[in-house]
Amino acid sequence: MKKIDVAYISKKINQLNKKIHRAEEQGNDNKVWWRKMKFDKLISKVKSKVKK
């Protein structure tokens, strides 16, 4: 099982951010929308882990 820590989530955020920008360039709004939802979820996880 993977250790879910701030560094791991940050890496996933960076990967997702690249995918969002690529989808925006291609004009695929549906992918952008779903990925931004996932992005917000990861950001909230990071904030909750940093608070602890």
N, C-alpha and C. Protein backbone atom coordinates (compact mmCIF):
# COMPACT_ATOMS: atom_id res chain seq x y z
N MET A 1 0.84 -1.17 0.00
CA MET A 1 0.00 0.00 0.00
C MET A 1 0.89 1.24 0.00
N LYS A 2 0.50 2.24 -0.82
CA LYS A 2 1.31 3.44 -0.91
C LYS A 2 1.11 4.34 0.30
N LYS A 3 2.19 5.02 0.64
CA LYS A 3 2.12 5.98 1.72
C LYS A 3 1.62 7.31 1.13
N ILE A 4 0.45 7.74 1.57
CA ILE A 4 -0.13 8.97 1.06
C ILE A 4 0.30 10.12 1.97
N ASP A 5 1.30 10.86 1.53
CA ASP A 5 1.76 12.01 2.28
C ASP A 5 1.71 13.25 1.39
N VAL A 6 2.14 14.37 1.92
CA VAL A 6 2.04 15.64 1.20
C VAL A 6 2.88 15.62 -0.07
N ALA A 7 4.05 15.00 -0.04
CA ALA A 7 4.91 14.95 -1.21
C ALA A 7 4.26 14.16 -2.34
N TYR A 8 3.63 13.04 -1.99
CA TYR A 8 2.96 12.21 -2.99
C TYR A 8 1.78 12.96 -3.62
N ILE A 9 0.99 13.61 -2.78
CA ILE A 9 -0.17 14.35 -3.29
C ILE A 9 0.30 15.53 -4.15
N SER A 10 1.37 16.18 -3.76
CA SER A 10 1.92 17.30 -4.54
C SER A 10 2.36 16.83 -5.92
N LYS A 11 2.96 15.66 -5.98
CA LYS A 11 3.37 15.09 -7.26
C LYS A 11 2.16 14.85 -8.14
N LYS A 12 1.09 14.30 -7.56
CA LYS A 12 -0.13 14.03 -8.31
C LYS A 12 -0.78 15.33 -8.79
N ILE A 13 -0.71 16.38 -7.96
CA ILE A 13 -1.26 17.68 -8.35
C ILE A 13 -0.51 18.22 -9.56
N ASN A 14 0.82 18.11 -9.55
CA ASN A 14 1.61 18.59 -10.67
C ASN A 14 1.29 17.83 -11.95
N GLN A 15 1.14 16.51 -11.86
CA GLN A 15 0.79 15.72 -13.03
C GLN A 15 -0.58 16.11 -13.57
N LEU A 16 -1.52 16.30 -12.67
CA LEU A 16 -2.87 16.66 -13.07
C LEU A 16 -2.91 18.06 -13.68
N ASN A 17 -2.11 18.96 -13.15
CA ASN A 17 -2.04 20.32 -13.69
C ASN A 17 -1.54 20.30 -15.13
N LYS A 18 -0.56 19.47 -15.43
CA LYS A 18 -0.06 19.32 -16.80
C LYS A 18 -1.17 18.82 -17.72
N LYS A 19 -1.94 17.83 -17.23
CA LYS A 19 -3.04 17.28 -18.03
C LYS A 19 -4.12 18.33 -18.28
N ILE A 20 -4.39 19.17 -17.28
CA ILE A 20 -5.40 20.22 -17.43
C ILE A 20 -4.98 21.20 -18.52
N HIS A 21 -3.72 21.64 -18.48
CA HIS A 21 -3.25 22.59 -19.48
C HIS A 21 -3.24 21.99 -20.88
N ARG A 22 -2.89 20.72 -20.98
CA ARG A 22 -2.88 20.06 -22.27
C ARG A 22 -4.30 19.97 -22.83
N ALA A 23 -5.26 19.64 -21.99
CA ALA A 23 -6.66 19.54 -22.43
C ALA A 23 -7.21 20.91 -22.81
N GLU A 24 -6.78 21.97 -22.10
CA GLU A 24 -7.22 23.32 -22.46
C GLU A 24 -6.71 23.71 -23.83
N GLU A 25 -5.46 23.35 -24.12
CA GLU A 25 -4.90 23.66 -25.44
C GLU A 25 -5.64 22.93 -26.55
N GLN A 26 -6.08 21.70 -26.26
CA GLN A 26 -6.79 20.90 -27.25
C GLN A 26 -8.27 21.28 -27.34
N GLY A 27 -8.74 22.09 -26.40
CA GLY A 27 -10.13 22.54 -26.43
C GLY A 27 -11.12 21.51 -25.93
N ASN A 28 -10.67 20.58 -25.09
CA ASN A 28 -11.55 19.54 -24.58
C ASN A 28 -12.08 19.96 -23.20
N ASP A 29 -13.21 20.67 -23.20
CA ASP A 29 -13.75 21.24 -21.97
C ASP A 29 -14.20 20.19 -20.97
N ASN A 30 -14.68 19.05 -21.44
CA ASN A 30 -15.16 18.01 -20.54
C ASN A 30 -14.02 17.46 -19.69
N LYS A 31 -12.88 17.18 -20.32
CA LYS A 31 -11.73 16.69 -19.56
C LYS A 31 -11.22 17.73 -18.59
N VAL A 32 -11.23 19.00 -19.03
CA VAL A 32 -10.78 20.08 -18.15
C VAL A 32 -11.66 20.15 -16.91
N TRP A 33 -12.96 20.04 -17.09
CA TRP A 33 -13.90 20.13 -15.98
C TRP A 33 -13.67 19.02 -14.97
N TRP A 34 -13.57 17.77 -15.45
CA TRP A 34 -13.36 16.63 -14.55
C TRP A 34 -12.03 16.72 -13.83
N ARG A 35 -10.99 17.13 -14.55
CA ARG A 35 -9.67 17.21 -13.94
C ARG A 35 -9.58 18.32 -12.92
N LYS A 36 -10.30 19.42 -13.15
CA LYS A 36 -10.30 20.51 -12.17
C LYS A 36 -11.03 20.07 -10.90
N MET A 37 -12.06 19.25 -11.03
CA MET A 37 -12.74 18.73 -9.85
C MET A 37 -11.78 17.87 -9.04
N LYS A 38 -11.05 17.00 -9.73
CA LYS A 38 -10.09 16.13 -9.06
C LYS A 38 -8.96 16.95 -8.43
N PHE A 39 -8.53 18.00 -9.15
CA PHE A 39 -7.50 18.91 -8.68
C PHE A 39 -7.92 19.57 -7.36
N ASP A 40 -9.15 20.06 -7.30
CA ASP A 40 -9.66 20.69 -6.08
C ASP A 40 -9.70 19.71 -4.92
N LYS A 41 -10.05 18.47 -5.21
CA LYS A 41 -10.10 17.44 -4.18
C LYS A 41 -8.70 17.18 -3.61
N LEU A 42 -7.70 17.12 -4.48
CA LEU A 42 -6.32 16.90 -4.02
C LEU A 42 -5.80 18.09 -3.22
N ILE A 43 -6.15 19.30 -3.65
CA ILE A 43 -5.73 20.50 -2.93
C ILE A 43 -6.30 20.49 -1.52
N SER A 44 -7.57 20.09 -1.39
CA SER A 44 -8.17 20.05 -0.06
C SER A 44 -7.51 18.99 0.82
N LYS A 45 -7.09 17.87 0.22
CA LYS A 45 -6.38 16.83 0.98
C LYS A 45 -5.05 17.36 1.49
N VAL A 46 -4.34 18.10 0.66
CA VAL A 46 -3.04 18.65 1.06
C VAL A 46 -3.24 19.62 2.22
N LYS A 47 -4.25 20.48 2.10
CA LYS A 47 -4.49 21.47 3.15
C LYS A 47 -4.86 20.80 4.48
N SER A 48 -5.62 19.72 4.41
CA SER A 48 -6.00 19.03 5.64
C SER A 48 -4.80 18.32 6.28
N LYS A 49 -3.90 17.79 5.43
CA LYS A 49 -2.73 17.10 5.97
C LYS A 49 -1.73 18.09 6.57
N VAL A 50 -1.63 19.28 5.98
CA VAL A 50 -0.69 20.28 6.47
C VAL A 50 -1.17 20.85 7.80
N LYS A 51 -2.48 20.96 7.98
CA LYS A 51 -3.04 21.49 9.22
C LYS A 51 -2.67 20.64 10.42
N LYS A 52 -2.64 19.33 10.24
CA LYS A 52 -2.41 18.40 11.35
C LYS A 52 -1.09 18.57 12.01
